[in-house]
Amino acid sequence: LVNDGHGLTVTTVVVKPKSRGEVRLKSANPTDMPAVSPNLLK
């Protein structure tokens, strides 16, 4: 979509989102990362 070079990026952010996600366990093993579902823009 775009070649690397001189330019700028403007990131737009929704400041008071209504979407809700969750964090769950993958297992009882403490070394496992949690299962994350942020549901951004849902």
PDB file of all heavy atoms in Angstrom:
ATOM      1  N   LEU A   1       0.811  -1.213   0.000  1.00  0.00           N
ATOM      2  CA  LEU A   1       0.000   0.000   0.000  1.00  0.00           C
ATOM      3  C   LEU A   1       0.844   1.262   0.000  1.00  0.00           C
ATOM      4  O   LEU A   1       0.420   2.299  -0.524  1.00  0.00           O
ATOM      5  CB  LEU A   1      -0.927   0.013   1.217  1.00  0.00           C
ATOM      6  CG  LEU A   1      -2.026  -1.046   1.253  1.00  0.00           C
ATOM      7  CD1 LEU A   1      -2.851  -0.891   2.514  1.00  0.00           C
ATOM      8  CD2 LEU A   1      -2.925  -0.936   0.028  1.00  0.00           C
ATOM      9  N   VAL A   2       2.031   1.184   0.598  1.00  0.00           N
ATOM     10  CA  VAL A   2       2.853   2.380   0.717  1.00  0.00           C
ATOM     11  C   VAL A   2       4.319   1.981   0.795  1.00  0.00           C
ATOM     12  O   VAL A   2       4.668   0.973   1.402  1.00  0.00           O
ATOM     13  CB  VAL A   2       2.444   3.200   1.972  1.00  0.00           C
ATOM     14  CG1 VAL A   2       2.590   2.390   3.234  1.00  0.00           C
ATOM     15  CG2 VAL A   2       3.244   4.481   2.072  1.00  0.00           C
ATOM     16  N   ASN A   3       5.173   2.766   0.156  1.00  0.00           N
ATOM     17  CA  ASN A   3       6.603   2.553   0.225  1.00  0.00           C
ATOM     18  C   ASN A   3       7.189   3.347   1.382  1.00  0.00           C
ATOM     19  O   ASN A   3       6.721   4.437   1.719  1.00  0.00           O
ATOM     20  CB  ASN A   3       7.276   2.985  -1.078  1.00  0.00           C
ATOM     21  CG  ASN A   3       6.848   2.135  -2.254  1.00  0.00           C
ATOM     22  OD1 ASN A   3       6.677   0.922  -2.122  1.00  0.00           O
ATOM     23  ND2 ASN A   3       6.674   2.765  -3.405  1.00  0.00           N
ATOM     24  N   ASP A   4       8.229   2.795   1.985  1.00  0.00           N
ATOM     25  CA  ASP A   4       8.894   3.502   3.068  1.00  0.00           C
ATOM     26  C   ASP A   4       9.523   4.783   2.529  1.00  0.00           C
ATOM     27  O   ASP A   4      10.051   4.827   1.418  1.00  0.00           O
ATOM     28  CB  ASP A   4       9.974   2.607   3.671  1.00  0.00           C
ATOM     29  CG  ASP A   4      10.479   3.137   4.999  1.00  0.00           C
ATOM     30  OD1 ASP A   4       9.834   4.040   5.560  1.00  0.00           O
ATOM     31  OD2 ASP A   4      11.513   2.633   5.478  1.00  0.00           O
ATOM     32  N   GLY A   5       9.439   5.850   3.292  1.00  0.00           N
ATOM     33  CA  GLY A   5       9.993   7.123   2.850  1.00  0.00           C
ATOM     34  C   GLY A   5       9.568   8.248   3.766  1.00  0.00           C
ATOM     35  O   GLY A   5       9.032   8.026   4.857  1.00  0.00           O
ATOM     36  N   HIS A   6       9.800   9.479   3.326  1.00  0.00           N
ATOM     37  CA  HIS A   6       9.408  10.645   4.108  1.00  0.00           C
ATOM     38  C   HIS A   6       7.886  10.765   4.132  1.00  0.00           C
ATOM     39  O   HIS A   6       7.218  10.589   3.108  1.00  0.00           O
ATOM     40  CB  HIS A   6      10.014  11.911   3.506  1.00  0.00           C
ATOM     41  CG  HIS A   6      11.519  11.922   3.508  1.00  0.00           C
ATOM     42  ND1 HIS A   6      12.250  12.193   4.634  1.00  0.00           N
ATOM     43  CD2 HIS A   6      12.415  11.676   2.524  1.00  0.00           C
ATOM     44  CE1 HIS A   6      13.543  12.131   4.344  1.00  0.00           C
ATOM     45  NE2 HIS A   6      13.669  11.818   3.066  1.00  0.00           N
ATOM     46  N   GLY A   7       7.349  11.087   5.295  1.00  0.00           N
ATOM     47  CA  GLY A   7       5.903  11.241   5.405  1.00  0.00           C
ATOM     48  C   GLY A   7       5.476  11.390   6.844  1.00  0.00           C
ATOM     49  O   GLY A   7       6.283  11.687   7.733  1.00  0.00           O
ATOM     50  N   LEU A   8       4.201  11.211   7.062  1.00  0.00           N
ATOM     51  CA  LEU A   8       3.688  11.258   8.428  1.00  0.00           C
ATOM     52  C   LEU A   8       2.498  10.321   8.566  1.00  0.00           C
ATOM     53  O   LEU A   8       1.837   9.981   7.569  1.00  0.00           O
ATOM     54  CB  LEU A   8       3.305  12.671   8.845  1.00  0.00           C
ATOM     55  CG  LEU A   8       1.884  13.194   8.555  1.00  0.00           C
ATOM     56  CD1 LEU A   8       1.608  14.419   9.388  1.00  0.00           C
ATOM     57  CD2 LEU A   8       1.711  13.493   7.082  1.00  0.00           C
ATOM     58  N   THR A   9       2.253   9.930   9.813  1.00  0.00           N
ATOM     59  CA  THR A   9       1.107   9.088  10.142  1.00  0.00           C
ATOM     60  C   THR A   9       0.314   9.781  11.243  1.00  0.00           C
ATOM     61  O   THR A   9       0.876  10.219  12.249  1.00  0.00           O
ATOM     62  CB  THR A   9       1.556   7.706  10.615  1.00  0.00           C
ATOM     63  OG1 THR A   9       2.309   7.070   9.577  1.00  0.00           O
ATOM     64  CG2 THR A   9       0.364   6.835  10.974  1.00  0.00           C
ATOM     65  N   VAL A  10      -0.976   9.901  11.029  1.00  0.00           N
ATOM     66  CA  VAL A  10      -1.878  10.415  12.055  1.00  0.00           C
ATOM     67  C   VAL A  10      -2.715   9.243  12.545  1.00  0.00           C
ATOM     68  O   VAL A  10      -3.448   8.629  11.763  1.00  0.00           O
ATOM     69  CB  VAL A  10      -2.781  11.531  11.512  1.00  0.00           C
ATOM     70  CG1 VAL A  10      -3.771  11.984  12.587  1.00  0.00           C
ATOM     71  CG2 VAL A  10      -1.946  12.712  11.028  1.00  0.00           C
ATOM     72  N   THR A  11      -2.570   8.904  13.803  1.00  0.00           N
ATOM     73  CA  THR A  11      -3.393   7.831  14.366  1.00  0.00           C
ATOM     74  C   THR A  11      -4.597   8.450  15.065  1.00  0.00           C
ATOM     75  O   THR A  11      -4.458   9.382  15.855  1.00  0.00           O
ATOM     76  CB  THR A  11      -2.604   6.977  15.368  1.00  0.00           C
ATOM     77  OG1 THR A  11      -2.122   7.792  16.437  1.00  0.00           O
ATOM     78  CG2 THR A  11      -1.435   6.301  14.693  1.00  0.00           C
ATOM     79  N   THR A  12      -5.759   7.939  14.745  1.00  0.00           N
ATOM     80  CA  THR A  12      -6.998   8.401  15.372  1.00  0.00           C
ATOM     81  C   THR A  12      -7.455   7.366  16.394  1.00  0.00           C
ATOM     82  O   THR A  12      -7.427   6.163  16.126  1.00  0.00           O
ATOM     83  CB  THR A  12      -8.098   8.653  14.335  1.00  0.00           C
ATOM     84  OG1 THR A  12      -8.257   7.488  13.528  1.00  0.00           O
ATOM     85  CG2 THR A  12      -7.726   9.823  13.441  1.00  0.00           C
ATOM     86  N   VAL A  13      -7.887   7.850  17.549  1.00  0.00           N
ATOM     87  CA  VAL A  13      -8.204   6.993  18.689  1.00  0.00           C
ATOM     88  C   VAL A  13      -9.580   7.365  19.229  1.00  0.00           C
ATOM     89  O   VAL A  13      -9.867   8.545  19.460  1.00  0.00           O
ATOM     90  CB  VAL A  13      -7.147   7.177  19.800  1.00  0.00           C
ATOM     91  CG1 VAL A  13      -7.489   6.322  21.012  1.00  0.00           C
ATOM     92  CG2 VAL A  13      -5.753   6.856  19.280  1.00  0.00           C
ATOM     93  N   VAL A  14     -10.439   6.379  19.429  1.00  0.00           N
ATOM     94  CA  VAL A  14     -11.731   6.594  20.089  1.00  0.00           C
ATOM     95  C   VAL A  14     -11.472   6.672  21.592  1.00  0.00           C
ATOM     96  O   VAL A  14     -10.991   5.708  22.205  1.00  0.00           O
ATOM     97  CB  VAL A  14     -12.720   5.469  19.764  1.00  0.00           C
ATOM     98  CG1 VAL A  14     -14.023   5.660  20.542  1.00  0.00           C
ATOM     99  CG2 VAL A  14     -13.004   5.422  18.266  1.00  0.00           C
ATOM    100  N   VAL A  15     -11.780   7.820  22.213  1.00  0.00           N
ATOM    101  CA  VAL A  15     -11.340   8.052  23.588  1.00  0.00           C
ATOM    102  C   VAL A  15     -12.255   7.442  24.648  1.00  0.00           C
ATOM    103  O   VAL A  15     -11.800   7.166  25.768  1.00  0.00           O
ATOM    104  CB  VAL A  15     -11.146   9.562  23.868  1.00  0.00           C
ATOM    105  CG1 VAL A  15     -10.022  10.124  23.029  1.00  0.00           C
ATOM    106  CG2 VAL A  15     -12.439  10.341  23.679  1.00  0.00           C
ATOM    107  N   LYS A  16     -13.537   7.245  24.338  1.00  0.00           N
ATOM    108  CA  LYS A  16     -14.446   6.635  25.313  1.00  0.00           C
ATOM    109  C   LYS A  16     -15.177   5.459  24.641  1.00  0.00           C
ATOM    110  O   LYS A  16     -16.391   5.493  24.416  1.00  0.00           O
ATOM    111  CB  LYS A  16     -15.449   7.662  25.840  1.00  0.00           C
ATOM    112  CG  LYS A  16     -14.828   8.818  26.586  1.00  0.00           C
ATOM    113  CD  LYS A  16     -14.173   8.398  27.906  1.00  0.00           C
ATOM    114  CE  LYS A  16     -15.193   8.165  28.989  1.00  0.00           C
ATOM    115  NZ  LYS A  16     -14.520   7.911  30.316  1.00  0.00           N
ATOM    116  N   PRO A  17     -14.434   4.393  24.331  1.00  0.00           N
ATOM    117  CA  PRO A  17     -15.049   3.279  23.601  1.00  0.00           C
ATOM    118  C   PRO A  17     -16.104   2.552  24.426  1.00  0.00           C
ATOM    119  O   PRO A  17     -16.021   2.463  25.651  1.00  0.00           O
ATOM    120  CB  PRO A  17     -13.850   2.363  23.303  1.00  0.00           C
ATOM    121  CG  PRO A  17     -12.857   2.682  24.377  1.00  0.00           C
ATOM    122  CD  PRO A  17     -13.023   4.147  24.653  1.00  0.00           C
ATOM    123  N   LYS A  18     -17.082   2.024  23.708  1.00  0.00           N
ATOM    124  CA  LYS A  18     -18.141   1.238  24.341  1.00  0.00           C
ATOM    125  C   LYS A  18     -17.898  -0.266  24.211  1.00  0.00           C
ATOM    126  O   LYS A  18     -18.568  -1.063  24.882  1.00  0.00           O
ATOM    127  CB  LYS A  18     -19.499   1.588  23.725  1.00  0.00           C
ATOM    128  CG  LYS A  18     -19.924   3.032  23.982  1.00  0.00           C
ATOM    129  CD  LYS A  18     -21.266   3.334  23.341  1.00  0.00           C
ATOM    130  CE  LYS A  18     -21.695   4.789  23.580  1.00  0.00           C
ATOM    131  NZ  LYS A  18     -22.977   5.107  22.903  1.00  0.00           N
ATOM    132  N   SER A  19     -16.988  -0.662  23.358  1.00  0.00           N
ATOM    133  CA  SER A  19     -16.674  -2.082  23.185  1.00  0.00           C
ATOM    134  C   SER A  19     -16.049  -2.631  24.464  1.00  0.00           C
ATOM    135  O   SER A  19     -15.257  -1.946  25.125  1.00  0.00           O
ATOM    136  CB  SER A  19     -15.707  -2.276  22.017  1.00  0.00           C
ATOM    137  OG  SER A  19     -16.260  -1.792  20.817  1.00  0.00           O
ATOM    138  N   ARG A  20     -16.383  -3.862  24.773  1.00  0.00           N
ATOM    139  CA  ARG A  20     -15.845  -4.522  25.956  1.00  0.00           C
ATOM    140  C   ARG A  20     -15.330  -5.907  25.573  1.00  0.00           C
ATOM    141  O   ARG A  20     -15.961  -6.629  24.805  1.00  0.00           O
ATOM    142  CB  ARG A  20     -16.907  -4.663  27.054  1.00  0.00           C
ATOM    143  CG  ARG A  20     -17.457  -3.326  27.573  1.00  0.00           C
ATOM    144  CD  ARG A  20     -16.403  -2.544  28.327  1.00  0.00           C
ATOM    145  NE  ARG A  20     -16.899  -1.317  28.915  1.00  0.00           N
ATOM    146  CZ  ARG A  20     -16.855  -0.118  28.329  1.00  0.00           C
ATOM    147  NH1 ARG A  20     -16.337  -0.009  27.105  1.00  0.00           N
ATOM    148  NH2 ARG A  20     -17.313   0.947  28.943  1.00  0.00           N
ATOM    149  N   GLY A  21     -14.177  -6.249  26.132  1.00  0.00           N
ATOM    150  CA  GLY A  21     -13.586  -7.556  25.878  1.00  0.00           C
ATOM    151  C   GLY A  21     -13.398  -8.316  27.171  1.00  0.00           C
ATOM    152  O   GLY A  21     -14.044  -8.041  28.191  1.00  0.00           O
ATOM    153  N   GLU A  22     -12.477  -9.285  27.148  1.00  0.00           N
ATOM    154  CA  GLU A  22     -12.260 -10.087  28.342  1.00  0.00           C
ATOM    155  C   GLU A  22     -10.863 -10.694  28.346  1.00  0.00           C
ATOM    156  O   GLU A  22     -10.195 -10.800  27.311  1.00  0.00           O
ATOM    157  CB  GLU A  22     -13.299 -11.207  28.442  1.00  0.00           C
ATOM    158  CG  GLU A  22     -13.203 -12.247  27.346  1.00  0.00           C
ATOM    159  CD  GLU A  22     -14.205 -13.386  27.532  1.00  0.00           C
ATOM    160  OE1 GLU A  22     -15.020 -13.314  28.465  1.00  0.00           O
ATOM    161  OE2 GLU A  22     -14.152 -14.347  26.748  1.00  0.00           O
ATOM    162  N   VAL A  23     -10.426 -11.064  29.547  1.00  0.00           N
ATOM    163  CA  VAL A  23      -9.191 -11.810  29.764  1.00  0.00           C
ATOM    164  C   VAL A  23      -9.574 -13.108  30.467  1.00  0.00           C
ATOM    165  O   VAL A  23     -10.254 -13.084  31.498  1.00  0.00           O
ATOM    166  CB  VAL A  23      -8.201 -11.019  30.637  1.00  0.00           C
ATOM    167  CG1 VAL A  23      -6.952 -11.851  30.926  1.00  0.00           C
ATOM    168  CG2 VAL A  23      -7.824  -9.704  29.960  1.00  0.00           C
ATOM    169  N   ARG A  24      -9.128 -14.227  29.897  1.00  0.00           N
ATOM    170  CA  ARG A  24      -9.425 -15.537  30.472  1.00  0.00           C
ATOM    171  C   ARG A  24      -8.128 -16.320  30.635  1.00  0.00           C
ATOM    172  O   ARG A  24      -7.090 -15.961  30.082  1.00  0.00           O
ATOM    173  CB  ARG A  24     -10.381 -16.321  29.551  1.00  0.00           C
ATOM    174  CG  ARG A  24     -11.647 -15.569  29.174  1.00  0.00           C
ATOM    175  CD  ARG A  24     -12.709 -15.718  30.221  1.00  0.00           C
ATOM    176  NE  ARG A  24     -13.443 -16.975  30.047  1.00  0.00           N
ATOM    177  CZ  ARG A  24     -14.456 -17.355  30.815  1.00  0.00           C
ATOM    178  NH1 ARG A  24     -14.856 -16.584  31.794  1.00  0.00           N
ATOM    179  NH2 ARG A  24     -15.084 -18.485  30.600  1.00  0.00           N
ATOM    180  N   LEU A  25      -8.185 -17.382  31.393  1.00  0.00           N
ATOM    181  CA  LEU A  25      -7.039 -18.274  31.523  1.00  0.00           C
ATOM    182  C   LEU A  25      -6.983 -19.234  30.339  1.00  0.00           C
ATOM    183  O   LEU A  25      -8.018 -19.739  29.894  1.00  0.00           O
ATOM    184  CB  LEU A  25      -7.131 -19.086  32.812  1.00  0.00           C
ATOM    185  CG  LEU A  25      -7.011 -18.332  34.138  1.00  0.00           C
ATOM    186  CD1 LEU A  25      -7.234 -19.303  35.304  1.00  0.00           C
ATOM    187  CD2 LEU A  25      -5.660 -17.650  34.269  1.00  0.00           C
ATOM    188  N   LYS A  26      -5.773 -19.495  29.866  1.00  0.00           N
ATOM    189  CA  LYS A  26      -5.599 -20.581  28.895  1.00  0.00           C
ATOM    190  C   LYS A  26      -5.499 -21.922  29.615  1.00  0.00           C
ATOM    191  O   LYS A  26      -5.915 -22.959  29.098  1.00  0.00           O
ATOM    192  CB  LYS A  26      -4.346 -20.347  28.065  1.00  0.00           C
ATOM    193  CG  LYS A  26      -4.475 -19.245  27.038  1.00  0.00           C
ATOM    194  CD  LYS A  26      -3.213 -19.136  26.192  1.00  0.00           C
ATOM    195  CE  LYS A  26      -3.340 -18.015  25.163  1.00  0.00           C
ATOM    196  NZ  LYS A  26      -2.080 -17.845  24.382  1.00  0.00           N
ATOM    197  N   SER A  27      -4.911 -21.890  30.796  1.00  0.00           N
ATOM    198  CA  SER A  27      -4.766 -23.100  31.597  1.00  0.00           C
ATOM    199  C   SER A  27      -4.439 -22.678  33.019  1.00  0.00           C
ATOM    200  O   SER A  27      -4.334 -21.484  33.327  1.00  0.00           O
ATOM    201  CB  SER A  27      -3.640 -23.987  31.045  1.00  0.00           C
ATOM    202  OG  SER A  27      -2.370 -23.446  31.378  1.00  0.00           O
ATOM    203  N   ALA A  28      -4.233 -23.654  33.888  1.00  0.00           N
ATOM    204  CA  ALA A  28      -3.820 -23.376  35.263  1.00  0.00           C
ATOM    205  C   ALA A  28      -2.306 -23.270  35.384  1.00  0.00           C
ATOM    206  O   ALA A  28      -1.789 -23.113  36.497  1.00  0.00           O
ATOM    207  CB  ALA A  28      -4.350 -24.462  36.204  1.00  0.00           C
ATOM    208  N   ASN A  29      -1.615 -23.359  34.274  1.00  0.00           N
ATOM    209  CA  ASN A  29      -0.158 -23.237  34.275  1.00  0.00           C
ATOM    210  C   ASN A  29       0.227 -21.764  34.345  1.00  0.00           C
ATOM    211  O   ASN A  29      -0.085 -20.995  33.435  1.00  0.00           O
ATOM    212  CB  ASN A  29       0.412 -23.865  33.007  1.00  0.00           C
ATOM    213  CG  ASN A  29       1.930 -23.932  33.018  1.00  0.00           C
ATOM    214  OD1 ASN A  29       2.580 -23.216  33.773  1.00  0.00           O
ATOM    215  ND2 ASN A  29       2.482 -24.793  32.183  1.00  0.00           N
ATOM    216  N   PRO A  30       0.913 -21.334  35.398  1.00  0.00           N
ATOM    217  CA  PRO A  30       1.248 -19.909  35.536  1.00  0.00           C
ATOM    218  C   PRO A  30       2.124 -19.361  34.431  1.00  0.00           C
ATOM    219  O   PRO A  30       2.189 -18.142  34.236  1.00  0.00           O
ATOM    220  CB  PRO A  30       1.982 -19.846  36.887  1.00  0.00           C
ATOM    221  CG  PRO A  30       1.546 -21.059  37.629  1.00  0.00           C
ATOM    222  CD  PRO A  30       1.338 -22.112  36.581  1.00  0.00           C
ATOM    223  N   THR A  31       2.825 -20.233  33.698  1.00  0.00           N
ATOM    224  CA  THR A  31       3.708 -19.745  32.640  1.00  0.00           C
ATOM    225  C   THR A  31       2.953 -19.428  31.348  1.00  0.00           C
ATOM    226  O   THR A  31       3.511 -18.794  30.452  1.00  0.00           O
ATOM    227  CB  THR A  31       4.817 -20.762  32.344  1.00  0.00           C
ATOM    228  OG1 THR A  31       4.242 -21.970  31.834  1.00  0.00           O
ATOM    229  CG2 THR A  31       5.620 -21.069  33.604  1.00  0.00           C
ATOM    230  N   ASP A  32       1.711 -19.861  31.240  1.00  0.00           N
ATOM    231  CA  ASP A  32       0.926 -19.571  30.040  1.00  0.00           C
ATOM    232  C   ASP A  32       0.439 -18.125  30.054  1.00  0.00           C
ATOM    233  O   ASP A  32      -0.005 -17.621  31.081  1.00  0.00           O
ATOM    234  CB  ASP A  32      -0.282 -20.507  29.940  1.00  0.00           C
ATOM    235  CG  ASP A  32       0.091 -21.895  29.470  1.00  0.00           C
ATOM    236  OD1 ASP A  32       1.230 -22.075  28.984  1.00  0.00           O
ATOM    237  OD2 ASP A  32      -0.751 -22.801  29.593  1.00  0.00           O
ATOM    238  N   MET A  33       0.518 -17.484  28.895  1.00  0.00           N
ATOM    239  CA  MET A  33      -0.059 -16.155  28.769  1.00  0.00           C
ATOM    240  C   MET A  33      -1.585 -16.271  28.843  1.00  0.00           C
ATOM    241  O   MET A  33      -2.160 -17.313  28.493  1.00  0.00           O
ATOM    242  CB  MET A  33       0.359 -15.536  27.440  1.00  0.00           C
ATOM    243  CG  MET A  33       1.853 -15.356  27.281  1.00  0.00           C
ATOM    244  SD  MET A  33       2.478 -13.900  28.109  1.00  0.00           S
ATOM    245  CE  MET A  33       2.253 -12.683  26.814  1.00  0.00           C
ATOM    246  N   PRO A  34      -2.268 -15.219  29.270  1.00  0.00           N
ATOM    247  CA  PRO A  34      -3.731 -15.275  29.291  1.00  0.00           C
ATOM    248  C   PRO A  34      -4.316 -15.206  27.885  1.00  0.00           C
ATOM    249  O   PRO A  34      -3.647 -14.785  26.931  1.00  0.00           O
ATOM    250  CB  PRO A  34      -4.106 -14.034  30.104  1.00  0.00           C
ATOM    251  CG  PRO A  34      -2.973 -13.087  29.882  1.00  0.00           C
ATOM    252  CD  PRO A  34      -1.746 -13.943  29.783  1.00  0.00           C
ATOM    253  N   ALA A  35      -5.560 -15.630  27.754  1.00  0.00           N
ATOM    254  CA  ALA A  35      -6.292 -15.505  26.493  1.00  0.00           C
ATOM    255  C   ALA A  35      -6.993 -14.151  26.494  1.00  0.00           C
ATOM    256  O   ALA A  35      -7.836 -13.888  27.353  1.00  0.00           O
ATOM    257  CB  ALA A  35      -7.301 -16.637  26.343  1.00  0.00           C
ATOM    258  N   VAL A  36      -6.636 -13.289  25.542  1.00  0.00           N
ATOM    259  CA  VAL A  36      -7.116 -11.906  25.540  1.00  0.00           C
ATOM    260  C   VAL A  36      -7.975 -11.655  24.310  1.00  0.00           C
ATOM    261  O   VAL A  36      -7.581 -11.969  23.185  1.00  0.00           O
ATOM    262  CB  VAL A  36      -5.935 -10.912  25.554  1.00  0.00           C
ATOM    263  CG1 VAL A  36      -6.443  -9.481  25.556  1.00  0.00           C
ATOM    264  CG2 VAL A  36      -5.046 -11.174  26.761  1.00  0.00           C
ATOM    265  N   SER A  37      -9.149 -11.095  24.531  1.00  0.00           N
ATOM    266  CA  SER A  37     -10.042 -10.707  23.433  1.00  0.00           C
ATOM    267  C   SER A  37     -10.509  -9.277  23.683  1.00  0.00           C
ATOM    268  O   SER A  37     -11.463  -9.048  24.414  1.00  0.00           O
ATOM    269  CB  SER A  37     -11.242 -11.658  23.352  1.00  0.00           C
ATOM    270  OG  SER A  37     -12.091 -11.293  22.275  1.00  0.00           O
ATOM    271  N   PRO A  38      -9.854  -8.265  23.066  1.00  0.00           N
ATOM    272  CA  PRO A  38     -10.206  -6.872  23.362  1.00  0.00           C
ATOM    273  C   PRO A  38     -11.452  -6.369  22.645  1.00  0.00           C
ATOM    274  O   PRO A  38     -12.036  -5.363  23.049  1.00  0.00           O
ATOM    275  CB  PRO A  38      -8.970  -6.104  22.901  1.00  0.00           C
ATOM    276  CG  PRO A  38      -8.377  -6.955  21.833  1.00  0.00           C
ATOM    277  CD  PRO A  38      -8.652  -8.369  22.233  1.00  0.00           C
ATOM    278  N   ASN A  39     -11.839  -7.019  21.545  1.00  0.00           N
ATOM    279  CA  ASN A  39     -13.047  -6.628  20.799  1.00  0.00           C
ATOM    280  C   ASN A  39     -13.022  -5.169  20.337  1.00  0.00           C
ATOM    281  O   ASN A  39     -14.050  -4.468  20.381  1.00  0.00           O
ATOM    282  CB  ASN A  39     -14.310  -6.883  21.637  1.00  0.00           C
ATOM    283  CG  ASN A  39     -14.626  -8.352  21.784  1.00  0.00           C
ATOM    284  OD1 ASN A  39     -14.280  -9.153  20.917  1.00  0.00           O
ATOM    285  ND2 ASN A  39     -15.249  -8.725  22.878  1.00  0.00           N
ATOM    286  N   LEU A  40     -11.868  -4.706  19.887  1.00  0.00           N
ATOM    287  CA  LEU A  40     -11.742  -3.322  19.432  1.00  0.00           C
ATOM    288  C   LEU A  40     -12.715  -3.034  18.293  1.00  0.00           C
ATOM    289  O   LEU A  40     -12.811  -3.805  17.335  1.00  0.00           O
ATOM    290  CB  LEU A  40     -10.315  -3.038  18.969  1.00  0.00           C
ATOM    291  CG  LEU A  40      -9.203  -3.241  20.007  1.00  0.00           C
ATOM    292  CD1 LEU A  40      -7.838  -2.942  19.388  1.00  0.00           C
ATOM    293  CD2 LEU A  40      -9.440  -2.389  21.241  1.00  0.00           C
ATOM    294  N   LEU A  41     -13.433  -1.932  18.408  1.00  0.00           N
ATOM    295  CA  LEU A  41     -14.401  -1.461  17.402  1.00  0.00           C
ATOM    296  C   LEU A  41     -15.579  -2.413  17.205  1.00  0.00           C
ATOM    297  O   LEU A  41     -16.294  -2.304  16.208  1.00  0.00           O
ATOM    298  CB  LEU A  41     -13.723  -1.205  16.046  1.00  0.00           C
ATOM    299  CG  LEU A  41     -12.674  -0.093  15.997  1.00  0.00           C
ATOM    300  CD1 LEU A  41     -12.159   0.070  14.563  1.00  0.00           C
ATOM    301  CD2 LEU A  41     -13.227   1.222  16.517  1.00  0.00           C
ATOM    302  N   LYS A  42     -15.818  -3.307  18.131  1.00  0.00           N
ATOM    303  CA  LYS A  42     -16.944  -4.231  17.965  1.00  0.00           C
ATOM    304  C   LYS A  42     -18.278  -3.513  18.141  1.00  0.00           C
ATOM    305  O   LYS A  42     -19.252  -3.818  17.440  1.00  0.00           O
ATOM    306  CB  LYS A  42     -16.827  -5.389  18.954  1.00  0.00           C
ATOM    307  CG  LYS A  42     -17.879  -6.474  18.718  1.00  0.00           C
ATOM    308  CD  LYS A  42     -17.604  -7.707  19.557  1.00  0.00           C
ATOM    309  CE  LYS A  42     -18.601  -8.817  19.230  1.00  0.00           C
ATOM    310  NZ  LYS A  42     -18.322 -10.054  20.001  1.00  0.00           N
TER     311      LYS A  42
END
